[in-house]
């Protein structure tokens, strides 16, 4: 596994555990996508790894450019979604986001951010949101979901 993706995934999983409630579980992670000639091809390889019952085209992936600011606003929403997390002191929330941003910037450098919109042909969580980051060190998928 990519050391940057592993570091961020560990961070995200810890925050995700703090958001778990009795009736659902959070799943947050980052993976490095396979290198290919295009982001859609890299995504097709990832989607094919999830299930071999449906061709990757059945995910109907669409990429929409977004800013790092929009990405980080979404990260904050997922990190502090549970009411207990919302009660954390503002300084602690800011520190968590700052540490995540530092690790993200180390992983991505000067990067482009994209919102990934899909229609999964298989169960993929009750609610999910994903991003693809095109960075100097590779392509990364950032995944948030609850189930």
Protein backbone atom coordinates (compact mmCIF):
# COMPACT_ATOMS: atom_id res chain seq x y z
CA UNK A 1 0.00 0.00 0.00
CA UNK A 2 1.11 3.55 -0.67
CA UNK A 3 2.59 5.07 2.51
CA UNK A 4 0.65 8.32 2.09
CA UNK A 5 -2.68 6.57 1.52
CA UNK A 6 -1.98 4.26 4.46
CA UNK A 7 -1.26 7.21 6.77
CA UNK A 8 -4.39 9.13 5.76
CA UNK A 9 -6.56 6.00 5.87
CA UNK A 10 -5.46 5.30 9.44
CA UNK A 11 -6.27 8.87 10.42
CA UNK A 12 -9.64 8.71 8.68
CA UNK A 13 -10.56 5.32 10.17
CA UNK A 14 -9.83 6.63 13.67
CA UNK A 15 -12.12 9.60 13.09
CA UNK A 16 -14.68 7.29 11.50
CA UNK A 17 -14.70 5.11 14.63
CA UNK A 18 -15.50 8.17 16.70
CA UNK A 19 -18.53 8.78 14.45
CA UNK A 20 -19.91 5.25 14.80
CA UNK A 21 -23.33 5.05 16.38
CA UNK A 22 -25.33 2.05 17.56
CA UNK A 23 -27.32 1.77 14.33
CA UNK A 24 -24.59 2.37 11.74
CA UNK A 25 -20.87 2.28 11.03
CA UNK A 26 -18.67 4.83 9.27
CA UNK A 27 -16.16 3.76 6.63
CA UNK A 28 -13.53 6.32 5.61
CA UNK A 29 -10.39 5.50 3.60
CA UNK A 30 -7.91 6.59 0.94
CA UNK A 31 -6.46 4.27 -1.68
CA UNK A 32 -3.95 4.87 -4.41
CA UNK A 33 -5.51 4.03 -7.76
CA UNK A 34 -3.67 1.97 -10.34
CA UNK A 35 -1.68 3.94 -12.86
CA UNK A 36 -3.27 4.14 -16.29
CA UNK A 37 -3.77 6.46 -19.23
CA UNK A 38 -6.82 8.16 -17.64
CA UNK A 39 -8.62 8.65 -14.34
CA UNK A 40 -11.67 6.78 -15.64
CA UNK A 41 -9.52 3.77 -16.53
CA UNK A 42 -7.95 3.85 -13.05
CA UNK A 43 -11.45 4.00 -11.55
CA UNK A 44 -12.59 1.12 -13.76
CA UNK A 45 -9.78 -1.03 -12.35
CA UNK A 46 -10.81 -0.09 -8.80
CA UNK A 47 -14.50 -0.79 -9.43
CA UNK A 48 -13.63 -4.13 -11.05
CA UNK A 49 -11.74 -5.07 -7.88
CA UNK A 50 -14.91 -4.63 -5.81
CA UNK A 51 -17.02 -7.09 -7.77
CA UNK A 52 -16.52 -9.24 -10.83
CA UNK A 53 -20.28 -9.70 -11.29
CA UNK A 54 -20.76 -6.37 -13.07
CA UNK A 55 -18.54 -4.61 -15.59
CA UNK A 56 -16.93 -1.44 -14.27
CA UNK A 57 -19.06 0.61 -16.70
CA UNK A 58 -22.09 -0.29 -14.55
CA UNK A 59 -20.78 2.18 -11.94
CA UNK A 60 -21.43 5.07 -14.39
CA UNK A 61 -18.54 7.18 -13.02
CA UNK A 62 -18.57 10.92 -13.58
CA UNK A 63 -15.87 13.31 -12.44
CA UNK A 64 -16.59 16.93 -11.58
CA UNK A 65 -13.69 19.28 -10.84
CA UNK A 66 -13.75 20.89 -7.41
CA UNK A 67 -11.38 22.89 -5.25
CA UNK A 68 -9.37 21.69 -2.27
CA UNK A 69 -11.47 24.08 -0.19
CA UNK A 70 -14.70 22.30 -1.21
CA UNK A 71 -13.01 18.95 -0.58
CA UNK A 72 -11.97 20.04 2.94
CA UNK A 73 -15.46 21.38 3.70
CA UNK A 74 -16.81 17.94 2.83
CA UNK A 75 -14.13 16.27 4.96
CA UNK A 76 -15.20 18.44 7.91
CA UNK A 77 -18.85 17.45 7.41
CA UNK A 78 -17.96 13.75 7.48
CA UNK A 79 -15.46 14.05 10.34
CA UNK A 80 -17.91 15.86 12.60
CA UNK A 81 -21.21 14.34 11.46
CA UNK A 82 -22.14 12.55 14.69
CA UNK A 83 -23.64 14.69 17.45
CA UNK A 84 -20.89 13.66 19.89
CA UNK A 85 -18.22 14.84 17.43
CA UNK A 86 -20.06 18.13 17.00
CA UNK A 87 -19.65 18.72 20.75
CA UNK A 88 -15.85 18.67 20.54
CA UNK A 89 -14.17 21.98 21.32
CA UNK A 90 -13.63 24.11 18.23
CA UNK A 91 -9.86 24.13 18.79
CA UNK A 92 -9.76 20.31 18.77
CA UNK A 93 -11.80 20.14 15.54
CA UNK A 94 -9.51 22.72 13.92
CA UNK A 95 -6.45 20.73 15.06
CA UNK A 96 -7.85 17.49 13.59
CA UNK A 97 -8.53 19.19 10.25
CA UNK A 98 -5.11 20.91 10.24
CA UNK A 99 -3.34 17.59 10.81
CA UNK A 100 -5.39 15.95 8.07
CA UNK A 101 -4.62 18.86 5.71
CA UNK A 102 -0.88 18.61 6.44
CA UNK A 103 -0.87 14.88 5.66
CA UNK A 104 -3.00 15.46 2.56
CA UNK A 105 -0.66 18.17 1.27
CA UNK A 106 2.34 15.91 1.86
CA UNK A 107 0.61 13.20 -0.19
CA UNK A 108 -0.68 15.38 -3.00
CA UNK A 109 1.58 18.40 -3.41
CA UNK A 110 0.06 20.52 -6.15
CA UNK A 111 -3.06 18.50 -7.00
CA UNK A 112 -6.38 18.60 -8.79
CA UNK A 113 -9.52 17.53 -6.91
CA UNK A 114 -12.60 15.90 -8.40
CA UNK A 115 -15.93 14.85 -6.96
CA UNK A 116 -16.69 11.28 -8.06
CA UNK A 117 -20.33 10.59 -8.81
CA UNK A 118 -21.30 6.94 -9.29
CA UNK A 119 -24.36 4.70 -9.35
CA UNK A 120 -22.98 1.49 -7.82
CA UNK A 121 -24.52 -1.75 -9.12
CA UNK A 122 -23.84 -3.37 -5.72
CA UNK A 123 -24.35 -2.42 -2.07
CA UNK A 124 -21.86 0.36 -1.37
CA UNK A 125 -23.15 1.89 1.87
CA UNK A 126 -26.35 3.67 2.84
CA UNK A 127 -24.77 6.98 1.93
CA UNK A 128 -21.41 7.57 0.30
CA UNK A 129 -19.32 10.41 -1.05
CA UNK A 130 -16.05 10.08 -2.95
CA UNK A 131 -13.32 12.19 -4.44
CA UNK A 132 -10.45 11.53 -6.81
CA UNK A 133 -7.22 13.44 -6.40
CA UNK A 134 -4.78 13.73 -9.29
CA UNK A 135 -1.42 14.38 -7.63
CA UNK A 136 2.22 14.42 -8.59
CA UNK A 137 2.68 11.06 -6.82
CA UNK A 138 -0.37 9.36 -8.36
CA UNK A 139 -4.14 9.20 -8.29
CA UNK A 140 -6.02 8.72 -5.04
CA UNK A 141 -9.60 7.82 -4.22
CA UNK A 142 -10.98 9.28 -0.99
CA UNK A 143 -14.06 7.42 0.28
CA UNK A 144 -16.62 8.31 2.96
CA UNK A 145 -19.64 6.13 3.68
CA UNK A 146 -22.01 4.98 6.37
CA UNK A 147 -23.94 1.73 6.53
